[in-house]
Protein backbone atom coordinates (compact mmCIF):
# COMPACT_ATOMS: atom_id res chain seq x y z
CA MET A 1 -0.64 -20.10 -8.57
CA ARG A 2 2.51 -18.13 -9.24
CA ILE A 3 2.31 -14.75 -9.18
CA LEU A 4 5.08 -12.28 -10.91
CA PHE A 5 4.62 -8.90 -9.72
CA ILE A 6 6.64 -5.45 -11.09
CA THR A 7 6.01 -2.33 -9.69
CA HIS A 8 6.80 1.21 -10.95
CA HIS A 9 7.29 2.93 -7.06
CA TYR A 10 10.00 2.60 -4.78
CA LEU A 11 8.47 1.06 -1.89
CA ASP A 12 10.65 2.55 1.19
CA GLY A 13 9.33 5.85 0.31
CA PHE A 14 6.15 7.89 1.83
CA GLY A 15 4.43 9.34 -0.87
CA GLY A 16 0.91 7.73 -1.97
CA GLY A 17 2.32 5.66 -4.89
CA SER A 18 4.57 3.91 -2.86
CA PHE A 19 1.64 2.99 -0.01
CA ALA A 20 -0.83 1.66 -2.52
CA SER A 21 1.80 -0.40 -4.25
CA LYS A 22 2.69 -2.29 -0.94
CA ALA A 23 -1.01 -2.05 -0.35
CA PHE A 24 -1.49 -4.00 -3.72
CA VAL A 25 1.84 -6.83 -3.42
CA ASN A 26 0.77 -7.74 0.01
CA ALA A 27 -2.55 -8.61 -0.92
CA PHE A 28 -1.49 -10.32 -3.68
CA ALA A 29 0.99 -12.30 -0.86
CA GLU A 30 -1.87 -12.67 1.31
CA ILE A 31 -4.38 -14.55 -1.29
CA PHE A 32 -1.72 -16.12 -3.45
CA HIS A 33 0.88 -17.00 -0.89
CA ASP A 34 3.81 -17.32 -4.06
CA VAL A 35 4.60 -14.15 -4.97
CA THR A 36 7.89 -13.06 -6.76
CA LEU A 37 8.42 -9.46 -6.50
CA LEU A 38 10.55 -7.01 -9.41
CA PHE A 39 11.16 -3.74 -7.49
CA PRO A 40 13.04 -0.72 -8.16
CA ILE A 41 15.89 0.51 -5.55
CA LYS A 42 18.35 3.44 -5.36
CA ASP A 43 21.80 2.90 -3.52
CA GLN A 44 19.91 1.60 -0.44
CA ASN A 45 17.47 -0.31 0.75
CA ARG A 46 15.41 0.51 3.76
CA SER A 47 12.24 -0.96 4.98
CA THR A 48 9.23 -1.52 3.14
CA ASP A 49 6.76 -3.08 5.61
CA LEU A 50 6.18 -5.98 2.79
CA ASN A 51 4.96 -9.28 3.47
CA ASP A 52 7.48 -11.58 4.46
CA ARG A 53 6.59 -14.30 2.21
CA ILE A 54 7.07 -12.26 -1.25
CA ARG A 55 10.57 -13.51 -3.04
CA LYS A 56 11.74 -9.51 -3.72
CA ILE A 57 14.50 -8.88 -6.34
CA PRO A 58 15.60 -5.52 -6.19
CA VAL A 59 16.82 -3.77 -9.78
CA THR A 60 18.41 -1.07 -10.57
CA TYR A 61 19.05 1.87 -12.70
CA ASN A 62 22.32 3.15 -12.47
CA ILE A 63 23.17 5.54 -15.28
CA SER A 64 23.96 9.26 -16.13
CA LYS A 65 21.17 11.54 -16.47
CA TRP A 66 21.78 11.89 -20.24
CA LYS A 67 21.28 8.35 -20.85
CA LYS A 68 17.72 8.71 -19.27
CA PHE A 69 17.13 11.47 -21.38
CA PHE A 70 17.60 9.43 -24.49
CA HIS A 71 15.31 6.83 -23.09
CA LEU A 72 12.54 8.78 -22.63
CA LEU A 73 13.53 9.83 -26.40
CA SER A 74 13.51 6.66 -27.16
CA GLY A 75 10.59 5.34 -25.09
CA LYS A 76 12.27 3.25 -22.52
CA THR A 77 9.91 3.90 -19.78
CA HIS A 78 11.14 1.63 -17.00
CA ARG A 79 14.40 -0.66 -16.14
CA TYR A 80 12.64 -4.36 -16.55
CA TYR A 81 13.38 -5.54 -19.70
CA LYS A 82 16.19 -7.33 -18.85
CA ALA A 83 15.23 -8.57 -15.58
CA PHE A 84 11.78 -9.62 -16.74
CA GLN A 85 13.02 -11.57 -20.09
CA GLU A 86 15.64 -13.60 -17.67
CA ILE A 87 12.76 -14.65 -15.00
CA ILE A 88 9.69 -15.20 -17.19
CA THR A 89 12.37 -17.46 -19.84
CA LYS A 90 13.34 -19.44 -16.48
CA GLU A 91 10.26 -20.36 -14.23
CA THR A 92 6.38 -20.03 -14.91
CA PHE A 93 4.02 -17.75 -13.83
CA ASP A 94 0.23 -18.15 -13.80
CA TYR A 95 -0.14 -14.36 -13.38
CA VAL A 96 1.96 -11.15 -14.23
CA VAL A 97 0.72 -7.96 -12.52
CA PHE A 98 2.24 -4.68 -13.54
CA ASP A 99 1.59 -1.87 -10.81
CA ASN A 100 1.29 0.75 -13.35
CA SER A 101 1.47 0.77 -16.89
CA CYS A 102 4.42 2.51 -17.65
CA VAL A 103 6.11 -1.11 -16.41
CA SER A 104 4.06 -3.20 -18.54
CA PHE A 105 5.25 -1.57 -22.09
CA GLY A 106 7.00 -3.98 -24.28
CA LEU A 107 6.22 -6.58 -21.64
CA ILE A 108 2.89 -7.90 -21.64
CA ASP A 109 3.16 -9.46 -25.20
CA LEU A 110 5.97 -11.60 -23.86
CA ALA A 111 4.06 -12.36 -20.79
CA HIS A 112 1.48 -13.88 -22.83
CA LYS A 113 3.76 -15.74 -25.09
CA HIS A 114 5.14 -17.76 -21.87
CA LYS A 115 1.10 -18.19 -21.21
CA ALA A 116 0.85 -16.10 -18.35
CA LYS A 117 -2.59 -14.00 -17.66
CA VAL A 118 -1.92 -10.07 -17.36
CA ILE A 119 -3.42 -7.92 -14.70
CA THR A 120 -2.67 -4.30 -14.75
CA ILE A 121 -3.17 -2.12 -11.96
CA HIS A 122 -3.79 1.73 -13.32
CA HIS A 123 -2.90 4.30 -10.24
CA ASN A 124 -4.79 6.82 -12.09
CA TYR A 125 -5.85 8.18 -15.52
CA GLU A 126 -2.04 8.47 -15.88
CA TYR A 127 -2.16 10.63 -19.23
CA GLU A 128 -3.80 13.28 -16.94
CA TYR A 129 -1.56 12.97 -13.78
CA LYS A 130 1.51 13.35 -16.42
CA ARG A 131 -0.15 16.17 -18.06
CA ASP A 132 -0.60 18.16 -14.48
CA SER A 133 2.96 17.50 -13.02
CA SER A 134 5.51 16.93 -16.00
CA ASN A 135 8.41 19.71 -16.62
CA LYS A 136 6.95 21.98 -19.64
CA LEU A 137 9.89 21.35 -22.15
CA LEU A 138 9.56 17.70 -21.80
CA LYS A 139 5.65 17.42 -21.63
CA PRO A 140 5.08 16.54 -25.52
CA ILE A 141 7.63 13.58 -25.21
CA ILE A 142 6.00 12.27 -22.30
CA LEU A 143 2.67 12.45 -23.16
CA TYR A 144 3.32 11.20 -26.49
CA TRP A 145 4.78 8.06 -24.66
CA VAL A 146 2.26 7.64 -21.78
CA LYS A 147 -0.84 7.28 -24.21
CA LYS A 148 1.13 4.71 -26.40
CA TYR A 149 2.04 2.34 -23.23
CA GLU A 150 -1.31 3.41 -21.06
CA LYS A 151 -3.47 2.38 -24.35
CA GLY A 152 -1.33 -0.82 -25.15
CA SER A 153 -2.00 -2.41 -21.39
CA LEU A 154 -5.56 -1.50 -21.39
CA GLN A 155 -5.92 -3.09 -24.71
CA LYS A 156 -3.74 -6.28 -23.70
CA SER A 157 -4.16 -6.80 -20.43
CA ASP A 158 -6.35 -9.92 -19.33
CA LEU A 159 -7.68 -7.23 -16.58
CA ASN A 160 -7.18 -4.02 -15.83
CA LEU A 161 -7.70 -2.37 -11.81
CA THR A 162 -8.28 0.90 -11.36
CA LEU A 163 -8.42 2.99 -8.12
CA THR A 164 -11.73 5.42 -8.92
CA GLN A 165 -14.99 4.47 -11.08
CA GLN A 166 -13.76 8.02 -12.59
CA ASP A 167 -10.62 6.84 -13.81
CA LYS A 168 -12.14 3.76 -15.67
CA LEU A 169 -14.83 6.02 -17.08
CA LEU A 170 -12.08 8.68 -18.34
CA PHE A 171 -10.31 5.32 -19.98
CA GLN A 172 -13.38 4.34 -22.08
CA GLU A 173 -14.14 7.48 -22.72
CA ASN A 174 -10.39 8.54 -23.90
CA TYR A 175 -9.29 5.32 -25.65
CA HIS A 176 -12.69 4.45 -26.62
CA LEU A 177 -12.82 1.30 -24.91
CA PRO A 178 -16.12 -1.08 -24.08
CA GLY A 179 -14.59 -1.32 -20.47
CA ASP A 180 -15.10 -5.13 -19.97
CA ASN A 181 -11.82 -5.90 -18.86
CA ILE A 182 -11.62 -3.04 -16.62
CA LYS A 183 -13.11 -3.31 -12.96
CA VAL A 184 -12.90 -0.81 -9.91
CA LEU A 185 -10.27 -2.00 -7.21
CA GLY A 186 -10.02 0.74 -5.23
CA CYS A 187 -7.46 1.77 -3.03
CA PHE A 188 -6.80 0.26 0.69
CA GLU A 189 -4.30 -0.44 3.54
CA TYR A 190 -1.03 -2.35 3.12
CA LYS A 191 -1.61 -4.06 6.56
CA ASP A 192 -3.89 -4.41 9.58
CA LYS A 193 -3.29 -1.73 11.46
CA ASN A 194 -4.60 0.26 14.67
CA TYR A 195 -7.37 2.61 14.70
CA ASP A 196 -7.56 3.37 18.20
CA TYR A 197 -6.67 7.47 17.88
CA THR A 198 -7.62 9.51 20.64
CA ASN A 199 -8.35 13.11 19.42
CA ASP A 200 -7.99 16.22 21.40
CA SER A 201 -8.97 19.00 18.43
CA LYS A 202 -10.75 22.15 19.19
CA PRO A 203 -14.11 22.72 17.73
CA TYR A 204 -12.90 24.68 14.42
CA SER A 205 -9.39 23.42 13.92
CA PHE A 206 -8.83 22.45 10.19
CA VAL A 207 -5.58 20.66 8.73
CA ILE A 208 -4.00 20.36 5.53
CA THR A 209 -1.03 17.88 4.86
CA GLY A 210 1.00 16.34 2.02
CA ASN A 211 4.16 16.84 0.14
CA LEU A 212 4.46 20.32 0.10
CA SER A 213 7.07 20.49 -2.71
CA ALA A 214 4.83 18.47 -5.31
CA LYS A 215 4.36 20.64 -8.42
CA GLN A 216 0.50 19.36 -8.33
CA THR A 217 0.16 20.23 -4.27
CA GLU A 218 1.83 23.96 -4.62
CA ASP A 219 0.00 24.60 -8.12
CA SER A 220 -3.25 24.00 -6.06
CA LEU A 221 -2.33 25.14 -2.96
CA ILE A 222 -1.01 28.66 -3.30
CA PRO A 223 -4.37 29.67 -5.27
CA TRP A 224 -6.53 27.94 -2.37
CA LEU A 225 -4.69 30.09 0.22
CA LYS A 226 -5.23 33.38 -2.24
CA GLU A 227 -8.67 32.67 -3.24
CA TYR A 228 -10.59 30.20 -0.82
CA TYR A 229 -8.89 30.63 2.66
CA PRO A 230 -10.56 34.15 2.80
CA ILE A 231 -14.16 32.38 2.75
CA LEU A 232 -12.72 30.22 5.52
CA GLN A 233 -11.77 33.47 7.60
CA ASN A 234 -14.89 35.43 7.07
CA THR A 235 -17.63 32.18 7.78
CA LEU A 236 -15.74 31.10 11.15
CA LEU A 237 -14.06 33.72 13.14
CA SER A 238 -12.79 31.96 15.36
CA HIS A 239 -10.91 28.75 13.60
CA GLN A 240 -7.50 27.77 13.66
CA LEU A 241 -5.65 26.27 10.56
CA THR A 242 -2.44 24.03 10.25
CA ILE A 243 -0.52 23.16 7.52
CA ALA A 244 1.65 20.16 7.60
CA GLY A 245 3.88 18.52 5.04
CA LYS A 246 7.13 18.12 3.46
CA LYS A 247 9.52 20.87 1.99
CA PRO A 248 7.29 23.92 1.96
CA GLY A 249 8.42 26.33 -0.50
CA THR A 250 9.32 30.25 0.03
CA GLU A 251 5.88 31.20 -1.51
CA ILE A 252 3.71 28.70 0.94
CA LYS A 253 5.90 30.11 3.98
CA SER A 254 5.66 33.01 2.90
CA LEU A 255 1.56 33.11 2.65
CA CYS A 256 1.14 31.10 6.01
CA LYS A 257 3.49 33.97 7.67
CA HIS A 258 1.25 36.68 6.36
CA LEU A 259 -1.82 34.54 7.11
CA ASN A 260 -1.05 33.65 10.20
CA ILE A 261 -1.06 30.22 9.35
CA GLU A 262 0.96 27.22 11.36
CA LEU A 263 2.88 25.84 9.16
CA ILE A 264 4.97 22.63 10.23
CA ASP A 265 7.71 21.71 7.91
CA THR A 266 8.42 18.03 7.41
CA PRO A 267 6.88 16.78 10.37
CA PRO A 268 8.51 13.41 11.86
CA ASN A 269 4.86 12.29 12.90
CA MET A 270 1.79 13.35 11.06
CA ASP A 271 -0.61 10.95 13.56
CA VAL A 272 -0.17 13.24 16.47
CA ILE A 273 -0.98 16.68 13.80
CA LEU A 274 -4.16 15.03 12.59
CA ASN A 275 -4.94 14.08 16.42
CA HIS A 276 -5.26 17.67 17.01
CA ALA A 277 -7.53 18.56 14.04
CA ARG A 278 -10.98 18.38 13.84
CA TYR A 279 -12.04 18.85 10.00
CA TYR A 280 -9.50 17.99 7.13
CA ILE A 281 -8.73 19.83 4.13
CA CYS A 282 -7.64 18.78 0.92
CA PRO A 283 -7.08 21.66 -1.65
CA THR A 284 -5.45 19.48 -4.55
CA ALA A 285 -7.38 20.43 -7.96
CA LEU A 286 -5.04 18.72 -10.23
CA GLY A 287 -3.71 15.34 -10.82
CA GLY A 288 -5.48 12.30 -11.59
CA GLY A 289 -6.87 8.88 -9.19
CA ILE A 290 -7.48 8.73 -5.75
CA LYS A 291 -5.56 10.97 -2.94
CA LEU A 292 -4.32 9.16 -0.01
CA ARG A 293 -3.90 12.04 2.14
CA ILE A 294 -7.51 11.83 2.59
CA MET A 295 -7.37 8.08 4.20
CA ASP A 296 -5.13 9.66 6.52
CA GLY A 297 -8.04 12.07 7.32
CA LEU A 298 -10.64 9.76 7.25
CA SER A 299 -8.52 6.86 9.20
CA HIS A 300 -8.39 9.54 12.23
CA GLY A 301 -12.08 9.99 11.94
CA LEU A 302 -11.74 13.54 10.33
CA PRO A 303 -14.50 14.98 7.92
CA ILE A 304 -13.27 15.77 4.83
CA LEU A 305 -13.66 19.21 2.66
CA THR A 306 -11.49 18.84 -0.66
CA HIS A 307 -11.73 20.08 -4.22
CA LYS A 308 -14.02 17.49 -7.05
CA VAL A 309 -10.34 16.25 -8.52
CA SER A 310 -9.58 15.16 -5.10
CA ALA A 311 -13.00 13.20 -3.98
CA ARG A 312 -12.47 10.50 -6.44
CA GLY A 313 -12.48 7.53 -4.93
CA TYR A 314 -14.34 8.37 -2.03
CA ASP A 315 -17.80 8.14 -3.65
CA ALA A 316 -19.30 6.28 -0.73
CA PHE A 317 -18.66 8.80 1.94
CA LYS A 318 -19.78 11.62 -0.57
CA ASP A 319 -22.31 14.57 1.50
CA LYS A 320 -21.57 12.25 4.67
CA PHE A 321 -18.15 12.46 5.59
CA VAL A 322 -16.55 14.14 2.30
CA PHE A 323 -17.81 17.34 1.05
CA GLU A 324 -16.54 18.59 -2.28
CA TYR A 325 -16.34 21.88 -3.95
CA HIS A 326 -15.28 23.24 -7.09
CA ASP A 327 -16.13 27.13 -6.76
CA LYS A 328 -16.12 29.89 -3.91
CA GLN A 329 -19.54 29.69 -3.71
CA THR A 330 -19.53 25.67 -3.37
CA PHE A 331 -16.77 25.98 -0.99
CA ASN A 332 -18.64 27.98 1.51
CA GLU A 333 -21.76 25.85 0.96
CA ALA A 334 -19.63 22.39 1.56
CA LEU A 335 -17.66 24.37 4.25
CA LEU A 336 -21.18 25.16 6.38
CA LYS A 337 -22.55 21.39 5.25
CA MET A 338 -19.61 19.93 6.91
CA ILE A 339 -19.51 21.66 10.33
CA SER A 340 -23.58 21.43 10.58
CA LYS A 341 -23.49 17.43 10.61
CA GLU A 342 -23.17 15.55 13.63
CA TYR A 343 -20.54 12.62 14.07
CA THR A 344 -18.27 10.87 16.43
CA ASN A 345 -14.15 9.97 15.23
CA ARG A 346 -15.64 6.38 15.55
CA ASP A 347 -18.17 6.89 13.29
CA ILE A 348 -15.95 7.93 10.28
CA ILE A 349 -13.46 5.25 11.18
CA ASN A 350 -15.58 1.98 11.46
CA GLU A 351 -17.23 3.14 8.04
CA TYR A 352 -13.72 4.10 6.85
CA LYS A 353 -12.52 0.60 7.74
CA ALA A 354 -15.27 -1.60 6.00
CA ILE A 355 -13.92 -0.42 2.37
CA PHE A 356 -10.02 0.92 3.27
CA SER A 357 -8.91 -1.35 5.53
CA PHE A 358 -6.20 -4.24 4.63
CA LYS A 359 -8.93 -6.94 5.49
CA ALA A 360 -11.38 -5.11 3.19
CA GLY A 361 -8.74 -4.71 0.06
CA CYS A 362 -7.79 -8.32 0.43
CA LYS A 363 -11.55 -9.27 -0.23
CA ARG A 364 -12.12 -7.08 -2.87
CA LEU A 365 -9.22 -8.57 -5.04
CA GLN A 366 -10.02 -11.76 -4.29
CA GLU A 367 -13.48 -11.21 -5.73
CA LEU A 368 -12.22 -9.40 -8.98
CA ILE A 369 -9.62 -12.27 -9.63
CA ASN A 370 -12.07 -14.96 -9.07
CA LYS A 371 -14.43 -13.44 -11.91
């Protein structure tokens, strides 16, 4: 089997999209061995932790901001039109895999024309994600094209893979689809890893991590500090909260200082911070898809307290290691339920590995393709 894999994400990045994309392309390479990858690069390409068997073809997009703006207006959503046409015309592939629906726009028909089956991996319900994270001025234009390419990919792909059951249901509901060609793959690690973490936490030590400069994180964390953190303070007088992540803004810094919360700006090693925590909090209440920062918490053996939006994709752990809330009352209830449970870090890690390890992800992908 020959696979042509096209991804939307910069694979040398540190965000959830990069993490998930590396997992998917490595899984295809593990299963099929003959994988060609088209991927975006900027000025230079750093290490990406990709399987050495993958044939890698970087694609640049060095155009002015004005030209990018006009591309947005016209619906040119990706950089791959020319590169894809050249390779699909010259070579034969059994499968073309689009990692994110936007890179499939205008290319699915061409893939089918050359007798390749099409798989599209949807990292989230893209319309919801863009609605919650896009610039207000450009939002109407962005949402118009998102709806067009997302619906088109769902209708035309031979197989659509989602990361959560909730995203599958949102696709069926909002695009009026039967769902026969939509399957839940979930997410997983991008390589085999060592889970032998040594936890040296204090009894009521909590941690929040993530990209603190991202719009969804800021728009969720700031209200959480004002509305939910006082509940934690009153419920557990003896507690410690650490917030760590990339480039926190002025308001987050000010609130943390006022509330006497430890804030670690752009830490070089997140493992050390997670190993000092007993519980993990994910306050993100916006955006779609699976929040991979919760995987960080679970992989270190930490119970999770999270807003219900961020609980998507973790159904197997609900009320066991993942406790969700949606308002102040349910926050307090979930907090009390979480701290009353007895479990070890190793209990959580073992169950995490059964679903989210690279080996488990490859097995699910193989089964879905075989069907």
